[in-house]
Amino acid sequence: SCVNYGCDHICVTEKVGVSCVCKDGYNLNHDMKTCSVNNEYFHRGLVFSNDSSICIVDIRVLTHFSYVPKCVLKINGTRYMVLDTDQRQIIIANETAIYCAMVDILELHQLTKPTGTIS
């Protein structure tokens, strides 16, 4: 039963016994009972742009009580932004060029420079 199993976070009763599950942002350890913080830089979140930065708000509701945006890339005049979750990259266009940044590295690389204005 879950009462005596000793799960660190969440215990689930199944047909053939019990198993442990961790809260969002944590990984289940090899002992299959305890949980450790997931060390990936970004988790589930809301990505947005203001006039000078690309920002992320972590929205893991089970582990956070406040939502503080973290501005991670400085770029002026963002006109368009696309988040490729499969490749974990952000593609950004301002009036002068199109850029790409890997979410885990966060360095802008210019993909192309237009001959006119991006609109």
PDB file of N, CA and C in Angstrom:
ATOM      1  N   SER A   1       0.835  -1.187   0.000  1.00  0.00           N
ATOM      2  CA  SER A   1       0.000   0.000   0.000  1.00  0.00           C
ATOM      3  C   SER A   1       0.876   1.245   0.000  1.00  0.00           C
ATOM      4  N   CYS A   2       0.328   2.338  -0.464  1.00  0.00           N
ATOM      5  CA  CYS A   2       1.064   3.599  -0.545  1.00  0.00           C
ATOM      6  C   CYS A   2       1.495   4.125   0.823  1.00  0.00           C
ATOM      7  N   VAL A   3       0.743   3.818   1.848  1.00  0.00           N
ATOM      8  CA  VAL A   3       1.042   4.347   3.183  1.00  0.00           C
ATOM      9  C   VAL A   3       2.447   3.943   3.635  1.00  0.00           C
ATOM     10  N   ASN A   4       2.856   2.720   3.359  1.00  0.00           N
ATOM     11  CA  ASN A   4       4.141   2.202   3.832  1.00  0.00           C
ATOM     12  C   ASN A   4       5.220   2.127   2.755  1.00  0.00           C
ATOM     13  N   TYR A   5       4.930   2.534   1.517  1.00  0.00           N
ATOM     14  CA  TYR A   5       5.881   2.333   0.424  1.00  0.00           C
ATOM     15  C   TYR A   5       7.047   3.321   0.457  1.00  0.00           C
ATOM     16  N   GLY A   6       6.812   4.536   0.899  1.00  0.00           N
ATOM     17  CA  GLY A   6       7.909   5.491   1.062  1.00  0.00           C
ATOM     18  C   GLY A   6       8.247   6.333  -0.154  1.00  0.00           C
ATOM     19  N   CYS A   7       7.253   6.678  -0.955  1.00  0.00           N
ATOM     20  CA  CYS A   7       7.504   7.549  -2.111  1.00  0.00           C
ATOM     21  C   CYS A   7       7.860   8.956  -1.646  1.00  0.00           C
ATOM     22  N   ASP A   8       8.821   9.550  -2.327  1.00  0.00           N
ATOM     23  CA  ASP A   8       9.267  10.904  -2.010  1.00  0.00           C
ATOM     24  C   ASP A   8       8.183  11.939  -2.303  1.00  0.00           C
ATOM     25  N   HIS A   9       7.480  11.810  -3.454  1.00  0.00           N
ATOM     26  CA  HIS A   9       6.477  12.799  -3.853  1.00  0.00           C
ATOM     27  C   HIS A   9       5.073  12.216  -3.941  1.00  0.00           C
ATOM     28  N   ILE A  10       4.833  11.364  -4.940  1.00  0.00           N
ATOM     29  CA  ILE A  10       3.479  10.878  -5.219  1.00  0.00           C
ATOM     30  C   ILE A  10       3.505   9.353  -5.327  1.00  0.00           C
ATOM     31  N   CYS A  11       2.555   8.707  -4.688  1.00  0.00           N
ATOM     32  CA  CYS A  11       2.423   7.254  -4.772  1.00  0.00           C
ATOM     33  C   CYS A  11       1.154   6.919  -5.559  1.00  0.00           C
ATOM     34  N   VAL A  12       1.279   5.982  -6.505  1.00  0.00           N
ATOM     35  CA  VAL A  12       0.153   5.580  -7.346  1.00  0.00           C
ATOM     36  C   VAL A  12      -0.127   4.097  -7.111  1.00  0.00           C
ATOM     37  N   THR A  13      -1.366   3.776  -6.763  1.00  0.00           N
ATOM     38  CA  THR A  13      -1.772   2.383  -6.580  1.00  0.00           C
ATOM     39  C   THR A  13      -2.165   1.811  -7.938  1.00  0.00           C
ATOM     40  N   GLU A  14      -1.526   0.678  -8.295  1.00  0.00           N
ATOM     41  CA  GLU A  14      -1.796   0.021  -9.578  1.00  0.00           C
ATOM     42  C   GLU A  14      -2.359  -1.373  -9.314  1.00  0.00           C
ATOM     43  N   LYS A  15      -2.746  -2.069 -10.382  1.00  0.00           N
ATOM     44  CA  LYS A  15      -3.327  -3.410 -10.234  1.00  0.00           C
ATOM     45  C   LYS A  15      -2.355  -4.387  -9.578  1.00  0.00           C
ATOM     46  N   VAL A  16      -1.070  -4.245  -9.887  1.00  0.00           N
ATOM     47  CA  VAL A  16      -0.074  -5.204  -9.386  1.00  0.00           C
ATOM     48  C   VAL A  16       0.813  -4.622  -8.291  1.00  0.00           C
ATOM     49  N   GLY A  17       0.422  -3.563  -7.665  1.00  0.00           N
ATOM     50  CA  GLY A  17       1.223  -2.970  -6.595  1.00  0.00           C
ATOM     51  C   GLY A  17       1.154  -1.457  -6.622  1.00  0.00           C
ATOM     52  N   VAL A  18       2.248  -0.836  -6.237  1.00  0.00           N
ATOM     53  CA  VAL A  18       2.313   0.627  -6.211  1.00  0.00           C
ATOM     54  C   VAL A  18       3.569   1.093  -6.938  1.00  0.00           C
ATOM     55  N   SER A  19       3.559   2.340  -7.357  1.00  0.00           N
ATOM     56  CA  SER A  19       4.748   2.942  -7.960  1.00  0.00           C
ATOM     57  C   SER A  19       4.807   4.410  -7.563  1.00  0.00           C
ATOM     58  N   CYS A  20       6.004   4.963  -7.633  1.00  0.00           N
ATOM     59  CA  CYS A  20       6.219   6.358  -7.266  1.00  0.00           C
ATOM     60  C   CYS A  20       6.328   7.226  -8.508  1.00  0.00           C
ATOM     61  N   VAL A  21       5.844   8.447  -8.390  1.00  0.00           N
ATOM     62  CA  VAL A  21       5.904   9.442  -9.459  1.00  0.00           C
ATOM     63  C   VAL A  21       6.401  10.737  -8.830  1.00  0.00           C
ATOM     64  N   CYS A  22       7.183  11.494  -9.595  1.00  0.00           N
ATOM     65  CA  CYS A  22       7.716  12.763  -9.093  1.00  0.00           C
ATOM     66  C   CYS A  22       6.909  13.940  -9.616  1.00  0.00           C
ATOM     67  N   LYS A  23       6.951  15.037  -8.877  1.00  0.00           N
ATOM     68  CA  LYS A  23       6.312  16.283  -9.313  1.00  0.00           C
ATOM     69  C   LYS A  23       6.997  16.793 -10.573  1.00  0.00           C
ATOM     70  N   ASP A  24       6.310  17.668 -11.294  1.00  0.00           N
ATOM     71  CA  ASP A  24       6.866  18.296 -12.482  1.00  0.00           C
ATOM     72  C   ASP A  24       8.160  19.010 -12.110  1.00  0.00           C
ATOM     73  N   GLY A  25       9.210  18.810 -12.905  1.00  0.00           N
ATOM     74  CA  GLY A  25      10.499  19.432 -12.626  1.00  0.00           C
ATOM     75  C   GLY A  25      11.450  18.541 -11.853  1.00  0.00           C
ATOM     76  N   TYR A  26      11.029  17.314 -11.546  1.00  0.00           N
ATOM     77  CA  TYR A  26      11.857  16.355 -10.814  1.00  0.00           C
ATOM     78  C   TYR A  26      11.935  15.052 -11.599  1.00  0.00           C
ATOM     79  N   ASN A  27      13.000  14.282 -11.389  1.00  0.00           N
ATOM     80  CA  ASN A  27      13.168  12.966 -12.001  1.00  0.00           C
ATOM     81  C   ASN A  27      13.179  11.899 -10.919  1.00  0.00           C
ATOM     82  N   LEU A  28      12.634  10.732 -11.237  1.00  0.00           N
ATOM     83  CA  LEU A  28      12.645   9.600 -10.319  1.00  0.00           C
ATOM     84  C   LEU A  28      14.046   8.991 -10.309  1.00  0.00           C
ATOM     85  N   ASN A  29      14.608   8.780  -9.126  1.00  0.00           N
ATOM     86  CA  ASN A  29      15.947   8.204  -8.990  1.00  0.00           C
ATOM     87  C   ASN A  29      15.917   6.698  -9.232  1.00  0.00           C
ATOM     88  N   HIS A  30      17.101   6.073  -9.287  1.00  0.00           N
ATOM     89  CA  HIS A  30      17.217   4.639  -9.569  1.00  0.00           C
ATOM     90  C   HIS A  30      16.560   3.763  -8.504  1.00  0.00           C
ATOM     91  N   ASP A  31      16.412   4.290  -7.291  1.00  0.00           N
ATOM     92  CA  ASP A  31      15.745   3.502  -6.246  1.00  0.00           C
ATOM     93  C   ASP A  31      14.233   3.429  -6.455  1.00  0.00           C
ATOM     94  N   MET A  32      13.736   4.167  -7.475  1.00  0.00           N
ATOM     95  CA  MET A  32      12.326   4.191  -7.864  1.00  0.00           C
ATOM     96  C   MET A  32      11.400   4.719  -6.768  1.00  0.00           C
ATOM     97  N   LYS A  33      11.972   5.447  -5.790  1.00  0.00           N
ATOM     98  CA  LYS A  33      11.165   6.019  -4.710  1.00  0.00           C
ATOM     99  C   LYS A  33      11.448   7.497  -4.476  1.00  0.00           C
ATOM    100  N   THR A  34      12.705   7.891  -4.593  1.00  0.00           N
ATOM    101  CA  THR A  34      13.079   9.279  -4.307  1.00  0.00           C
ATOM    102  C   THR A  34      13.186  10.080  -5.597  1.00  0.00           C
ATOM    103  N   CYS A  35      13.093  11.403  -5.462  1.00  0.00           N
ATOM    104  CA  CYS A  35      13.101  12.307  -6.609  1.00  0.00           C
ATOM    105  C   CYS A  35      14.235  13.319  -6.483  1.00  0.00           C
ATOM    106  N   SER A  36      14.804  13.709  -7.623  1.00  0.00           N
ATOM    107  CA  SER A  36      15.837  14.742  -7.678  1.00  0.00           C
ATOM    108  C   SER A  36      15.396  15.825  -8.644  1.00  0.00           C
ATOM    109  N   VAL A  37      15.856  17.042  -8.394  1.00  0.00           N
ATOM    110  CA  VAL A  37      15.514  18.174  -9.258  1.00  0.00           C
ATOM    111  C   VAL A  37      16.048  17.916 -10.659  1.00  0.00           C
ATOM    112  N   ASN A  38      15.212  18.158 -11.661  1.00  0.00           N
ATOM    113  CA  ASN A  38      15.613  18.070 -13.059  1.00  0.00           C
ATOM    114  C   ASN A  38      16.467  19.289 -13.358  1.00  0.00           C
ATOM    115  N   ASN A  39      17.704  19.084 -13.793  1.00  0.00           N
ATOM    116  CA  ASN A  39      18.641  20.186 -13.978  1.00  0.00           C
ATOM    117  C   ASN A  39      18.604  20.832 -15.352  1.00  0.00           C
ATOM    118  N   GLU A  40      17.632  20.493 -16.186  1.00  0.00           N
ATOM    119  CA  GLU A  40      17.510  21.201 -17.457  1.00  0.00           C
ATOM    120  C   GLU A  40      17.247  22.664 -17.166  1.00  0.00           C
ATOM    121  N   TYR A  41      17.811  23.530 -17.991  1.00  0.00           N
ATOM    122  CA  TYR A  41      17.717  24.967 -17.740  1.00  0.00           C
ATOM    123  C   TYR A  41      16.277  25.461 -17.816  1.00  0.00           C
ATOM    124  N   PHE A  42      15.526  24.984 -18.801  1.00  0.00           N
ATOM    125  CA  PHE A  42      14.145  25.428 -18.960  1.00  0.00           C
ATOM    126  C   PHE A  42      13.196  24.248 -18.953  1.00  0.00           C
ATOM    127  N   HIS A  43      12.057  24.465 -18.398  1.00  0.00           N
ATOM    128  CA  HIS A  43      11.004  23.462 -18.321  1.00  0.00           C
ATOM    129  C   HIS A  43       9.794  24.003 -19.073  1.00  0.00           C
ATOM    130  N   ARG A  44       8.625  23.564 -18.698  1.00  0.00           N
ATOM    131  CA  ARG A  44       7.396  24.052 -19.298  1.00  0.00           C
ATOM    132  C   ARG A  44       7.264  25.539 -18.995  1.00  0.00           C
ATOM    133  N   GLY A  45       6.965  26.333 -20.024  1.00  0.00           N
ATOM    134  CA  GLY A  45       6.874  27.764 -19.763  1.00  0.00           C
ATOM    135  C   GLY A  45       6.222  28.542 -20.885  1.00  0.00           C
ATOM    136  N   LEU A  46       6.038  29.799 -20.621  1.00  0.00           N
ATOM    137  CA  LEU A  46       5.483  30.756 -21.568  1.00  0.00           C
ATOM    138  C   LEU A  46       6.633  31.605 -22.095  1.00  0.00           C
ATOM    139  N   VAL A  47       6.809  31.638 -23.406  1.00  0.00           N
ATOM    140  CA  VAL A  47       7.877  32.416 -24.034  1.00  0.00           C
ATOM    141  C   VAL A  47       7.248  33.642 -24.669  1.00  0.00           C
ATOM    142  N   PHE A  48       7.828  34.817 -24.408  1.00  0.00           N
ATOM    143  CA  PHE A  48       7.293  36.050 -24.980  1.00  0.00           C
ATOM    144  C   PHE A  48       8.422  37.028 -25.262  1.00  0.00           C
ATOM    145  N   SER A  49       8.094  38.064 -26.015  1.00  0.00           N
ATOM    146  CA  SER A  49       9.070  39.082 -26.382  1.00  0.00           C
ATOM    147  C   SER A  49       8.558  40.450 -25.973  1.00  0.00           C
ATOM    148  N   ASN A  50       9.466  41.266 -25.444  1.00  0.00           N
ATOM    149  CA  ASN A  50       9.158  42.683 -25.284  1.00  0.00           C
ATOM    150  C   ASN A  50      10.025  43.431 -26.296  1.00  0.00           C
ATOM    151  N   ASP A  51      10.185  44.709 -26.199  1.00  0.00           N
ATOM    152  CA  ASP A  51      10.916  45.450 -27.233  1.00  0.00           C
ATOM    153  C   ASP A  51      12.420  45.191 -27.218  1.00  0.00           C
ATOM    154  N   SER A  52      12.951  44.627 -26.134  1.00  0.00           N
ATOM    155  CA  SER A  52      14.402  44.475 -26.053  1.00  0.00           C
ATOM    156  C   SER A  52      14.880  43.070 -25.695  1.00  0.00           C
ATOM    157  N   SER A  53      13.977  42.141 -25.384  1.00  0.00           N
ATOM    158  CA  SER A  53      14.407  40.822 -24.914  1.00  0.00           C
ATOM    159  C   SER A  53      13.398  39.733 -25.257  1.00  0.00           C
ATOM    160  N   ILE A  54      13.889  38.490 -25.224  1.00  0.00           N
ATOM    161  CA  ILE A  54      13.046  37.305 -25.257  1.00  0.00           C
ATOM    162  C   ILE A  54      13.027  36.785 -23.819  1.00  0.00           C
ATOM    163  N   CYS A  55      11.828  36.563 -23.280  1.00  0.00           N
ATOM    164  CA  CYS A  55      11.694  36.186 -21.873  1.00  0.00           C
ATOM    165  C   CYS A  55      10.904  34.884 -21.739  1.00  0.00           C
ATOM    166  N   ILE A  56      11.123  34.201 -20.621  1.00  0.00           N
ATOM    167  CA  ILE A  56      10.439  32.945 -20.332  1.00  0.00           C
ATOM    168  C   ILE A  56       9.890  33.002 -18.911  1.00  0.00           C
ATOM    169  N   VAL A  57       8.649  32.527 -18.747  1.00  0.00           N
ATOM    170  CA  VAL A  57       8.051  32.388 -17.420  1.00  0.00           C
ATOM    171  C   VAL A  57       7.809  30.902 -17.191  1.00  0.00           C
ATOM    172  N   ASP A  58       8.425  30.349 -16.169  1.00  0.00           N
ATOM    173  CA  ASP A  58       8.247  28.947 -15.808  1.00  0.00           C
ATOM    174  C   ASP A  58       6.829  28.768 -15.264  1.00  0.00           C
ATOM    175  N   ILE A  59       6.069  27.826 -15.822  1.00  0.00           N
ATOM    176  CA  ILE A  59       4.678  27.658 -15.392  1.00  0.00           C
ATOM    177  C   ILE A  59       4.409  26.274 -14.812  1.00  0.00           C
ATOM    178  N   ARG A  60       5.396  25.698 -14.136  1.00  0.00           N
ATOM    179  CA  ARG A  60       5.174  24.405 -13.480  1.00  0.00           C
ATOM    180  C   ARG A  60       4.357  24.659 -12.219  1.00  0.00           C
ATOM    181  N   VAL A  61       3.067  24.487 -12.317  1.00  0.00           N
ATOM    182  CA  VAL A  61       2.155  24.885 -11.242  1.00  0.00           C
ATOM    183  C   VAL A  61       2.327  24.076  -9.964  1.00  0.00           C
ATOM    184  N   LEU A  62       2.827  22.868 -10.040  1.00  0.00           N
ATOM    185  CA  LEU A  62       2.977  22.064  -8.830  1.00  0.00           C
ATOM    186  C   LEU A  62       4.188  22.457  -7.999  1.00  0.00           C
ATOM    187  N   THR A  63       5.148  23.165  -8.591  1.00  0.00           N
ATOM    188  CA  THR A  63       6.383  23.441  -7.862  1.00  0.00           C
ATOM    189  C   THR A  63       6.663  24.921  -7.660  1.00  0.00           C
ATOM    190  N   HIS A  64       5.859  25.805  -8.210  1.00  0.00           N
ATOM    191  CA  HIS A  64       6.105  27.237  -8.066  1.00  0.00           C
ATOM    192  C   HIS A  64       4.835  27.967  -7.650  1.00  0.00           C
ATOM    193  N   PHE A  65       5.004  28.977  -6.825  1.00  0.00           N
ATOM    194  CA  PHE A  65       3.872  29.775  -6.386  1.00  0.00           C
ATOM    195  C   PHE A  65       3.899  31.176  -6.973  1.00  0.00           C
ATOM    196  N   SER A  66       5.000  31.553  -7.605  1.00  0.00           N
ATOM    197  CA  SER A  66       5.073  32.867  -8.241  1.00  0.00           C
ATOM    198  C   SER A  66       5.619  32.693  -9.649  1.00  0.00           C
ATOM    199  N   TYR A  67       5.284  33.628 -10.494  1.00  0.00           N
ATOM    200  CA  TYR A  67       5.699  33.558 -11.890  1.00  0.00           C
ATOM    201  C   TYR A  67       6.554  34.772 -12.203  1.00  0.00           C
ATOM    202  N   VAL A  68       7.858  34.607 -12.160  1.00  0.00           N
ATOM    203  CA  VAL A  68       8.796  35.694 -12.404  1.00  0.00           C
ATOM    204  C   VAL A  68       9.435  35.461 -13.767  1.00  0.00           C
ATOM    205  N   PRO A  69       9.262  36.394 -14.712  1.00  0.00           N
ATOM    206  CA  PRO A  69       9.871  36.198 -16.025  1.00  0.00           C
ATOM    207  C   PRO A  69      11.389  36.279 -15.956  1.00  0.00           C
ATOM    208  N   LYS A  70      12.043  35.449 -16.755  1.00  0.00           N
ATOM    209  CA  LYS A  70      13.495  35.464 -16.863  1.00  0.00           C
ATOM    210  C   LYS A  70      13.816  35.847 -18.302  1.00  0.00           C
ATOM    211  N   CYS A  71      14.353  37.050 -18.498  1.00  0.00           N
ATOM    212  CA  CYS A  71      14.694  37.510 -19.844  1.00  0.00           C
ATOM    213  C   CYS A  71      16.062  36.952 -20.203  1.00  0.00           C
ATOM    214  N   VAL A  72      16.103  36.174 -21.291  1.00  0.00           N
ATOM    215  CA  VAL A  72      17.277  35.357 -21.579  1.00  0.00           C
ATOM    216  C   VAL A  72      18.051  35.777 -22.819  1.00  0.00           C
ATOM    217  N   LEU A  73      17.435  36.485 -23.728  1.00  0.00           N
ATOM    218  CA  LEU A  73      18.112  36.936 -24.946  1.00  0.00           C
ATOM    219  C   LEU A  73      17.844  38.413 -25.160  1.00  0.00           C
ATOM    220  N   LYS A  74      18.886  39.166 -25.413  1.00  0.00           N
ATOM    221  CA  LYS A  74      18.735  40.592 -25.709  1.00  0.00           C
ATOM    222  C   LYS A  74      18.668  40.764 -27.221  1.00  0.00           C
ATOM    223  N   ILE A  75      17.558  41.300 -27.704  1.00  0.00           N
ATOM    224  CA  ILE A  75      17.406  41.607 -29.126  1.00  0.00           C
ATOM    225  C   ILE A  75      16.378  42.721 -29.245  1.00  0.00           C
ATOM    226  N   ASN A  76      16.736  43.758 -29.961  1.00  0.00           N
ATOM    227  CA  ASN A  76      15.852  44.920 -30.102  1.00  0.00           C
ATOM    228  C   ASN A  76      14.878  44.743 -31.258  1.00  0.00           C
ATOM    229  N   GLY A  77      13.665  45.224 -31.051  1.00  0.00           N
ATOM    230  CA  GLY A  77      12.680  45.310 -32.122  1.00  0.00           C
ATOM    231  C   GLY A  77      12.199  43.996 -32.679  1.00  0.00           C
ATOM    232  N   THR A  78      11.990  43.000 -31.854  1.00  0.00           N
ATOM    233  CA  THR A  78      11.498  41.709 -32.344  1.00  0.00           C
ATOM    234  C   THR A  78      10.150  41.890 -33.030  1.00  0.00           C
ATOM    235  N   ARG A  79      10.070  41.416 -34.263  1.00  0.00           N
ATOM    236  CA  ARG A  79       8.814  41.483 -35.011  1.00  0.00           C
ATOM    237  C   ARG A  79       8.114  40.138 -35.043  1.00  0.00           C
ATOM    238  N   TYR A  80       8.895  39.064 -35.186  1.00  0.00           N
ATOM    239  CA  TYR A  80       8.340  37.714 -35.267  1.00  0.00           C
ATOM    240  C   TYR A  80       9.195  36.777 -34.429  1.00  0.00           C
ATOM    241  N   MET A  81       8.543  35.771 -33.865  1.00  0.00           N
ATOM    242  CA  MET A  81       9.258  34.784 -33.068  1.00  0.00           C
ATOM    243  C   MET A  81       8.549  33.445 -33.221  1.00  0.00           C
ATOM    244  N   VAL A  82       9.331  32.389 -33.419  1.00  0.00           N
ATOM    245  CA  VAL A  82       8.799  31.034 -33.523  1.00  0.00           C
ATOM    246  C   VAL A  82       9.605  30.158 -32.572  1.00  0.00           C
ATOM    247  N   LEU A  83       8.911  29.322 -31.820  1.00  0.00           N
ATOM    248  CA  LEU A  83       9.565  28.391 -30.914  1.00  0.00           C
ATOM    249  C   LEU A  83       9.426  26.988 -31.490  1.00  0.00           C
ATOM    250  N   ASP A  84      10.552  26.359 -31.816  1.00  0.00           N
ATOM    251  CA  ASP A  84      10.573  24.992 -32.330  1.00  0.00           C
ATOM    252  C   ASP A  84      10.860  24.066 -31.148  1.00  0.00           C
ATOM    253  N   THR A  85       9.811  23.477 -30.578  1.00  0.00           N
ATOM    254  CA  THR A  85       9.986  22.662 -29.377  1.00  0.00           C
ATOM    255  C   THR A  85      10.683  21.338 -29.665  1.00  0.00           C
ATOM    256  N   ASP A  86      10.541  20.793 -30.871  1.00  0.00           N
ATOM    257  CA  ASP A  86      11.224  19.542 -31.210  1.00  0.00           C
ATOM    258  C   ASP A  86      12.733  19.728 -31.243  1.00  0.00           C
ATOM    259  N   GLN A  87      13.180  20.817 -31.848  1.00  0.00           N
ATOM    260  CA  GLN A  87      14.614  21.097 -31.959  1.00  0.00           C
ATOM    261  C   GLN A  87      15.137  21.955 -30.807  1.00  0.00           C
ATOM    262  N   ARG A  88      14.242  22.399 -29.914  1.00  0.00           N
ATOM    263  CA  ARG A  88      14.571  23.256 -28.770  1.00  0.00           C
ATOM    264  C   ARG A  88      15.321  24.511 -29.217  1.00  0.00           C
ATOM    265  N   GLN A  89      14.711  25.224 -30.177  1.00  0.00           N
ATOM    266  CA  GLN A  89      15.315  26.460 -30.651  1.00  0.00           C
ATOM    267  C   GLN A  89      14.273  27.550 -30.849  1.00  0.00           C
ATOM    268  N   ILE A  90      14.741  28.791 -30.788  1.00  0.00           N
ATOM    269  CA  ILE A  90      13.902  29.962 -31.011  1.00  0.00           C
ATOM    270  C   ILE A  90      14.410  30.644 -32.273  1.00  0.00           C
ATOM    271  N   ILE A  91      13.496  30.968 -33.182  1.00  0.00           N
ATOM    272  CA  ILE A  91      13.842  31.712 -34.394  1.00  0.00           C
ATOM    273  C   ILE A  91      13.184  33.074 -34.269  1.00  0.00           C
ATOM    274  N   ILE A  92      13.983  34.126 -34.434  1.00  0.00           N
ATOM    275  CA  ILE A  92      13.538  35.491 -34.173  1.00  0.00           C
ATOM    276  C   ILE A  92      13.863  36.366 -35.375  1.00  0.00           C
ATOM    277  N   ALA A  93      12.937  37.238 -35.734  1.00  0.00           N
ATOM    278  CA  ALA A  93      13.189  38.216 -36.801  1.00  0.00           C
ATOM    279  C   ALA A  93      12.920  39.610 -36.255  1.00  0.00           C
ATOM    280  N   ASN A  94      13.861  40.511 -36.510  1.00  0.00           N
ATOM    281  CA  ASN A  94      13.597  41.927 -36.251  1.00  0.00           C
ATOM    282  C   ASN A  94      13.682  42.637 -37.598  1.00  0.00           C
ATOM    283  N   GLU A  95      13.780  43.953 -37.621  1.00  0.00           N
ATOM    284  CA  GLU A  95      13.771  44.675 -38.898  1.00  0.00           C
ATOM    285  C   GLU A  95      15.039  44.471 -39.712  1.00  0.00           C
ATOM    286  N   THR A  96      16.107  43.986 -39.096  1.00  0.00           N
ATOM    287  CA  THR A  96      17.386  43.915 -39.801  1.00  0.00           C
ATOM    288  C   THR A  96      17.853  42.513 -40.157  1.00  0.00           C
ATOM    289  N   ALA A  97      17.392  41.469 -39.457  1.00  0.00           N
ATOM    290  CA  ALA A  97      17.900  40.123 -39.728  1.00  0.00           C
ATOM    291  C   ALA A  97      17.003  39.065 -39.093  1.00  0.00           C
ATOM    292  N   ILE A  98      17.305  37.802 -39.422  1.00  0.00           N
ATOM    293  CA  ILE A  98      16.638  36.653 -38.823  1.00  0.00           C
ATOM    294  C   ILE A  98      17.694  35.881 -38.036  1.00  0.00           C
ATOM    295  N   TYR A  99      17.354  35.526 -36.787  1.00  0.00           N
ATOM    296  CA  TYR A  99      18.300  34.882 -35.886  1.00  0.00           C
ATOM    297  C   TYR A  99      17.742  33.561 -35.379  1.00  0.00           C
ATOM    298  N   CYS A 100      18.646  32.725 -34.892  1.00  0.00           N
ATOM    299  CA  CYS A 100      18.266  31.457 -34.286  1.00  0.00           C
ATOM    300  C   CYS A 100      19.082  31.278 -33.010  1.00  0.00           C
ATOM    301  N   ALA A 101      18.465  30.714 -31.975  1.00  0.00           N
ATOM    302  CA  ALA A 101      19.175  30.402 -30.731  1.00  0.00           C
ATOM    303  C   ALA A 101      18.659  29.074 -30.196  1.00  0.00           C
ATOM    304  N   MET A 102      19.567  28.211 -29.785  1.00  0.00           N
ATOM    305  CA  MET A 102      19.188  26.975 -29.118  1.00  0.00           C
ATOM    306  C   MET A 102      18.730  27.331 -27.709  1.00  0.00           C
ATOM    307  N   VAL A 103      17.633  26.769 -27.259  1.00  0.00           N
ATOM    308  CA  VAL A 103      17.055  27.118 -25.964  1.00  0.00           C
ATOM    309  C   VAL A 103      18.029  26.835 -24.821  1.00  0.00           C
ATOM    310  N   ASP A 104      18.808  25.768 -24.910  1.00  0.00           N
ATOM    311  CA  ASP A 104      19.710  25.405 -23.823  1.00  0.00           C
ATOM    312  C   ASP A 104      21.037  26.165 -23.852  1.00  0.00           C
ATOM    313  N   ILE A 105      21.362  26.831 -24.964  1.00  0.00           N
ATOM    314  CA  ILE A 105      22.634  27.549 -25.077  1.00  0.00           C
ATOM    315  C   ILE A 105      22.422  29.057 -25.027  1.00  0.00           C
ATOM    316  N   LEU A 106      21.371  29.546 -25.656  1.00  0.00           N
ATOM    317  CA  LEU A 106      20.968  30.953 -25.615  1.00  0.00           C
ATOM    318  C   LEU A 106      22.020  31.915 -26.143  1.00  0.00           C
ATOM    319  N   GLU A 107      22.561  31.602 -27.314  1.00  0.00           N
ATOM    320  CA  GLU A 107      23.413  32.527 -28.045  1.00  0.00           C
ATOM    321  C   GLU A 107      22.778  32.741 -29.410  1.00  0.00           C
ATOM    322  N   LEU A 108      22.568  33.997 -29.777  1.00  0.00           N
ATOM    323  CA  LEU A 108      21.945  34.299 -31.070  1.00  0.00           C
ATOM    324  C   LEU A 108      22.929  34.084 -32.209  1.00  0.00           C
ATOM    325  N   HIS A 109      22.464  33.428 -33.255  1.00  0.00           N
ATOM    326  CA  HIS A 109      23.233  33.250 -34.481  1.00  0.00           C
ATOM    327  C   HIS A 109      22.405  33.810 -35.625  1.00  0.00           C
ATOM    328  N   GLN A 110      23.002  34.683 -36.405  1.00  0.00           N
ATOM    329  CA  GLN A 110      22.280  35.293 -37.519  1.00  0.00           C
ATOM    330  C   GLN A 110      22.137  34.279 -38.637  1.00  0.00           C
ATOM    331  N   LEU A 111      20.900  34.046 -39.074  1.00  0.00           N
ATOM    332  CA  LEU A 111      20.634  33.117 -40.163  1.00  0.00           C
ATOM    333  C   LEU A 111      20.714  33.800 -41.514  1.00  0.00           C
ATOM    334  N   THR A 112      20.150  34.995 -41.598  1.00  0.00           N
ATOM    335  CA  THR A 112      20.133  35.716 -42.863  1.00  0.00           C
ATOM    336  C   THR A 112      19.966  37.201 -42.602  1.00  0.00           C
ATOM    337  N   LYS A 113      20.430  37.992 -43.535  1.00  0.00           N
ATOM    338  CA  LYS A 113      20.249  39.438 -43.461  1.00  0.00           C
ATOM    339  C   LYS A 113      19.507  39.853 -44.727  1.00  0.00           C
ATOM    340  N   PRO A 114      18.361  40.492 -44.580  1.00  0.00           N
ATOM    341  CA  PRO A 114      17.552  40.838 -45.755  1.00  0.00           C
ATOM    342  C   PRO A 114      18.137  42.014 -46.525  1.00  0.00           C
ATOM    343  N   THR A 115      17.707  42.120 -47.765  1.00  0.00           N
ATOM    344  CA  THR A 115      18.105  43.278 -48.566  1.00  0.00           C
ATOM    345  C   THR A 115      17.170  44.447 -48.334  1.00  0.00           C
ATOM    346  N   GLY A 116      16.006  44.173 -47.754  1.00  0.00           N
ATOM    347  CA  GLY A 116      15.022  45.211 -47.435  1.00  0.00           C
ATOM    348  C   GLY A 116      14.586  45.079 -45.993  1.00  0.00           C
ATOM    349  N   THR A 117      13.393  45.541 -45.702  1.00  0.00           N
ATOM    350  CA  THR A 117      12.845  45.474 -44.354  1.00  0.00           C
ATOM    351  C   THR A 117      12.027  44.206 -44.186  1.00  0.00           C
ATOM    352  N   ILE A 118      12.174  43.543 -43.036  1.00  0.00           N
ATOM    353  CA  ILE A 118      11.359  42.366 -42.736  1.00  0.00           C
ATOM    354  C   ILE A 118      10.012  42.852 -42.244  1.00  0.00           C
ATOM    355  N   SER A 119       8.944  42.396 -42.886  1.00  0.00           N
ATOM    356  CA  SER A 119       7.606  42.838 -42.475  1.00  0.00           C
ATOM    357  C   SER A 119       6.614  41.701 -42.590  1.00  0.00           C
TER     358      SER A 119
END
